[in-house]
Amino acid sequence: MKIPITIILLLNFGVSNSQNFIEGIIYCAKDRAEEKLRFVVGNELLKTNFKFEESKTIIEIHNPEKGLERISLAEFKKSEHPAIQFWINYKISDENLELTELSVPFNLNCTTPWNSKDTQEILEPYLKVLRNKTKIDLKKALEIGNKNGLNEIYFWEIDYEKKKLIWTLKSKLKNNQSKVIKINSKNGKVMSEFIEIPID
């Protein structure tokens, strides 16, 4: 299972915990986010590859006794504490494989500080894959990882490294260590391979 890259959909809103208020904020955020995504990625990709998951909505609250806490939407509706931040997720898939998760920041009035350029830059590596502009998609990257000794791959991401679009894959080893390989998305060549040791 992939550990999601953290690209967060953040909403700031007032102190009301009413169900109608929260649902209104979610509706506003979803509408604004999808409007921006439609402009950046196109309607067809948005419909087929971006899945909104309300079940993963997370709200950050201020609890005077415990400080900042992150709780589920269901928990928040029963909470007496005001919300500070609000996250909703889109899962981005590539041929039914989860490529990454996406979120977009919003302000108190449901406007986002992200402009289209910001959104484009964040999504660029993933759009290269979704638009078939990389020879190595996620499925092929995972196959290459398996062939190079990665057994249970739990993490993957694609990003630019020295102007090259590189897949990074990780597989668990003993003692909480991980085997990591980096794959060139253009030709499938393994660029590097190493053991990652957790820092206590």
Protein backbone atom coordinates (compact mmCIF):
# COMPACT_ATOMS: atom_id res chain seq x y z
CA MET A 1 0.00 0.00 0.00
CA LYS A 2 1.39 3.32 -0.97
CA ILE A 3 2.05 5.91 1.69
CA PRO A 4 0.41 8.92 0.10
CA ILE A 5 2.39 11.86 -0.91
CA THR A 6 1.07 14.73 1.21
CA ILE A 7 -0.53 17.32 -0.99
CA ILE A 8 -3.25 18.73 1.31
CA LEU A 9 -6.72 20.18 0.71
CA LEU A 10 -7.01 22.72 3.51
CA LEU A 11 -10.01 24.74 4.56
CA ASN A 12 -10.18 27.30 7.32
CA PHE A 13 -13.63 27.98 8.67
CA GLY A 14 -15.47 29.30 11.71
CA VAL A 15 -16.42 27.73 14.98
CA SER A 16 -19.77 26.24 14.03
CA ASN A 17 -19.79 22.45 14.21
CA SER A 18 -23.26 22.05 12.71
CA GLN A 19 -23.69 19.33 10.13
CA ASN A 20 -25.22 21.72 7.61
CA PHE A 21 -22.31 24.13 7.98
CA ILE A 22 -19.69 21.41 7.50
CA GLU A 23 -21.49 19.92 4.52
CA GLY A 24 -21.75 23.38 2.99
CA ILE A 25 -18.02 23.91 3.37
CA ILE A 26 -17.26 20.50 1.83
CA TYR A 27 -19.57 21.28 -1.09
CA CYS A 28 -17.90 24.66 -1.61
CA ALA A 29 -14.40 23.17 -1.45
CA LYS A 30 -15.22 20.32 -3.78
CA ASP A 31 -16.81 22.67 -6.30
CA ARG A 32 -13.89 25.12 -6.24
CA ALA A 33 -11.28 22.37 -6.34
CA GLU A 34 -12.89 20.60 -9.26
CA GLU A 35 -13.27 23.86 -11.15
CA LYS A 36 -9.53 24.45 -10.83
CA LEU A 37 -8.66 20.81 -11.62
CA ARG A 38 -10.88 20.89 -14.69
CA PHE A 39 -8.97 23.93 -15.93
CA VAL A 40 -5.56 22.35 -15.25
CA VAL A 41 -6.03 18.67 -16.10
CA GLY A 42 -9.08 18.63 -18.34
CA ASN A 43 -12.53 17.22 -17.74
CA GLU A 44 -11.85 13.74 -19.10
CA LEU A 45 -8.84 13.08 -16.85
CA LEU A 46 -10.71 14.54 -13.91
CA LYS A 47 -13.69 12.24 -14.42
CA THR A 48 -11.67 9.07 -14.99
CA ASN A 49 -8.64 9.49 -12.70
CA PHE A 50 -9.59 11.77 -9.79
CA LYS A 51 -11.80 10.24 -7.11
CA PHE A 52 -13.12 12.45 -4.32
CA GLU A 53 -13.17 10.60 -0.99
CA GLU A 54 -15.34 12.29 1.61
CA SER A 55 -14.74 9.34 3.93
CA LYS A 56 -11.14 10.55 4.33
CA THR A 57 -12.09 14.06 5.38
CA ILE A 58 -9.92 15.10 8.31
CA ILE A 59 -10.47 18.15 10.48
CA GLU A 60 -7.90 19.84 12.71
CA ILE A 61 -9.35 21.22 15.92
CA HIS A 62 -8.04 23.09 18.92
CA ASN A 63 -8.63 21.14 22.10
CA PRO A 64 -7.69 23.34 25.10
CA GLU A 65 -6.66 20.24 27.06
CA LYS A 66 -4.73 18.40 24.34
CA GLY A 67 -3.79 21.13 21.88
CA LEU A 68 -4.14 20.56 18.16
CA GLU A 69 -5.86 17.34 17.15
CA ARG A 70 -6.83 15.78 13.84
CA ILE A 71 -10.11 13.93 13.84
CA SER A 72 -12.50 12.42 11.33
CA LEU A 73 -15.50 14.28 9.98
CA ALA A 74 -17.83 12.00 11.96
CA GLU A 75 -15.91 12.74 15.17
CA PHE A 76 -15.95 16.46 14.45
CA LYS A 77 -19.73 16.55 14.12
CA LYS A 78 -19.89 15.33 17.74
CA SER A 79 -17.08 17.58 18.96
CA GLU A 80 -17.49 20.76 20.98
CA HIS A 81 -14.18 22.21 19.81
CA PRO A 82 -13.82 24.69 16.93
CA ALA A 83 -12.22 23.64 13.68
CA ILE A 84 -8.97 25.24 12.55
CA GLN A 85 -8.20 23.42 9.31
CA PHE A 86 -10.00 21.03 7.04
CA TRP A 87 -8.74 18.43 4.59
CA ILE A 88 -10.46 16.51 1.81
CA ASN A 89 -8.71 14.04 -0.47
CA TYR A 90 -8.75 13.11 -4.10
CA LYS A 91 -7.20 9.79 -4.99
CA ILE A 92 -5.46 9.97 -8.35
CA SER A 93 -5.40 6.64 -10.15
CA ASP A 94 -3.49 5.31 -13.15
CA GLU A 95 -5.09 2.24 -14.76
CA ASN A 96 -6.83 1.39 -11.47
CA LEU A 97 -3.60 1.77 -9.48
CA GLU A 98 -3.44 4.55 -6.90
CA LEU A 99 -0.88 6.99 -8.23
CA THR A 100 -1.04 9.51 -5.38
CA GLU A 101 -3.44 11.56 -3.27
CA LEU A 102 -4.18 15.21 -3.86
CA SER A 103 -5.50 18.02 -1.69
CA VAL A 104 -5.78 21.77 -2.31
CA PRO A 105 -5.63 24.62 0.29
CA PHE A 106 -8.64 26.85 0.92
CA ASN A 107 -9.16 29.98 3.03
CA LEU A 108 -11.93 30.94 5.41
CA ASN A 109 -14.07 32.34 2.58
CA CYS A 110 -13.58 29.20 0.46
CA THR A 111 -11.01 30.77 -1.85
CA THR A 112 -7.74 28.96 -2.43
CA PRO A 113 -4.25 30.52 -2.36
CA TRP A 114 -3.27 28.10 -5.10
CA ASN A 115 -3.43 29.63 -8.54
CA SER A 116 -3.50 27.57 -11.72
CA LYS A 117 0.29 27.72 -12.03
CA ASP A 118 0.75 26.33 -8.51
CA THR A 119 -1.67 23.49 -9.22
CA GLN A 120 -0.02 22.74 -12.55
CA GLU A 121 3.45 22.54 -10.95
CA ILE A 122 2.27 20.20 -8.19
CA LEU A 123 0.48 17.90 -10.62
CA GLU A 124 3.01 18.01 -13.46
CA PRO A 125 4.82 14.71 -12.71
CA TYR A 126 1.51 12.85 -12.37
CA LEU A 127 0.01 14.46 -15.48
CA LYS A 128 3.02 13.21 -17.46
CA VAL A 129 2.04 9.68 -16.44
CA LEU A 130 -1.70 10.13 -16.95
CA ARG A 131 -1.18 11.67 -20.40
CA ASN A 132 1.07 8.77 -21.43
CA LYS A 133 4.11 11.01 -21.81
CA THR A 134 6.33 8.64 -19.85
CA LYS A 135 7.33 5.26 -21.25
CA ILE A 136 7.30 3.84 -17.74
CA ASP A 137 3.91 4.13 -16.07
CA LEU A 138 3.18 3.02 -12.50
CA LYS A 139 2.44 -0.58 -13.48
CA LYS A 140 5.74 -0.91 -15.36
CA ALA A 141 7.64 0.81 -12.54
CA LEU A 142 6.26 -1.71 -10.04
CA GLU A 143 7.22 -4.58 -12.36
CA ILE A 144 10.77 -3.22 -12.62
CA GLY A 145 10.88 -2.91 -8.84
CA ASN A 146 9.83 -6.56 -8.41
CA LYS A 147 12.49 -7.68 -10.90
CA ASN A 148 15.09 -5.79 -8.90
CA GLY A 149 14.38 -7.37 -5.55
CA LEU A 150 11.55 -5.28 -4.15
CA ASN A 151 9.08 -7.74 -2.65
CA GLU A 152 6.20 -5.92 -0.96
CA ILE A 153 6.37 -2.38 -2.33
CA TYR A 154 4.72 -0.04 0.17
CA PHE A 155 5.71 3.36 -1.23
CA TRP A 156 6.03 4.95 -4.65
CA GLU A 157 6.25 8.44 -6.06
CA ILE A 158 7.36 10.16 -9.23
CA ASP A 159 9.14 13.50 -9.28
CA TYR A 160 11.91 15.43 -10.98
CA GLU A 161 15.49 14.81 -9.93
CA LYS A 162 18.19 16.72 -11.81
CA LYS A 163 15.66 17.51 -14.55
CA LYS A 164 14.81 13.83 -15.02
CA LEU A 165 11.45 12.34 -14.10
CA ILE A 166 12.29 9.56 -11.65
CA TRP A 167 10.20 6.88 -9.94
CA THR A 168 11.14 6.13 -6.32
CA LEU A 169 9.99 2.76 -4.95
CA LYS A 170 10.47 1.29 -1.46
CA SER A 171 10.12 -2.21 -0.01
CA LYS A 172 10.31 -3.17 3.67
CA LEU A 173 13.29 -5.13 5.02
CA LYS A 174 14.09 -6.37 8.51
CA ASN A 175 14.75 -3.98 11.41
CA ASN A 176 12.38 -1.40 9.87
CA GLN A 177 14.83 -0.75 7.04
CA SER A 178 13.75 -0.27 3.42
CA LYS A 179 15.25 -1.15 0.08
CA VAL A 180 14.94 1.80 -2.29
CA ILE A 181 15.37 1.95 -6.04
CA LYS A 182 15.07 4.89 -8.40
CA ILE A 183 13.91 4.30 -11.97
CA ASN A 184 14.18 6.58 -15.00
CA SER A 185 10.61 7.03 -16.28
CA LYS A 186 11.89 7.60 -19.82
CA ASN A 187 13.74 4.33 -20.36
CA GLY A 188 13.16 2.13 -17.29
CA LYS A 189 16.81 2.16 -16.26
CA VAL A 190 17.50 1.72 -12.53
CA MET A 191 19.36 4.90 -11.62
CA SER A 192 20.26 3.95 -8.05
CA GLU A 193 19.62 1.31 -5.42
CA PHE A 194 20.26 1.61 -1.67
CA ILE A 195 19.14 0.65 1.83
CA GLU A 196 17.27 3.30 3.80
CA ILE A 197 17.85 3.17 7.56
CA PRO A 198 15.30 4.94 9.79
CA ILE A 199 16.60 7.69 12.03
CA ASP A 200 15.48 7.40 15.67
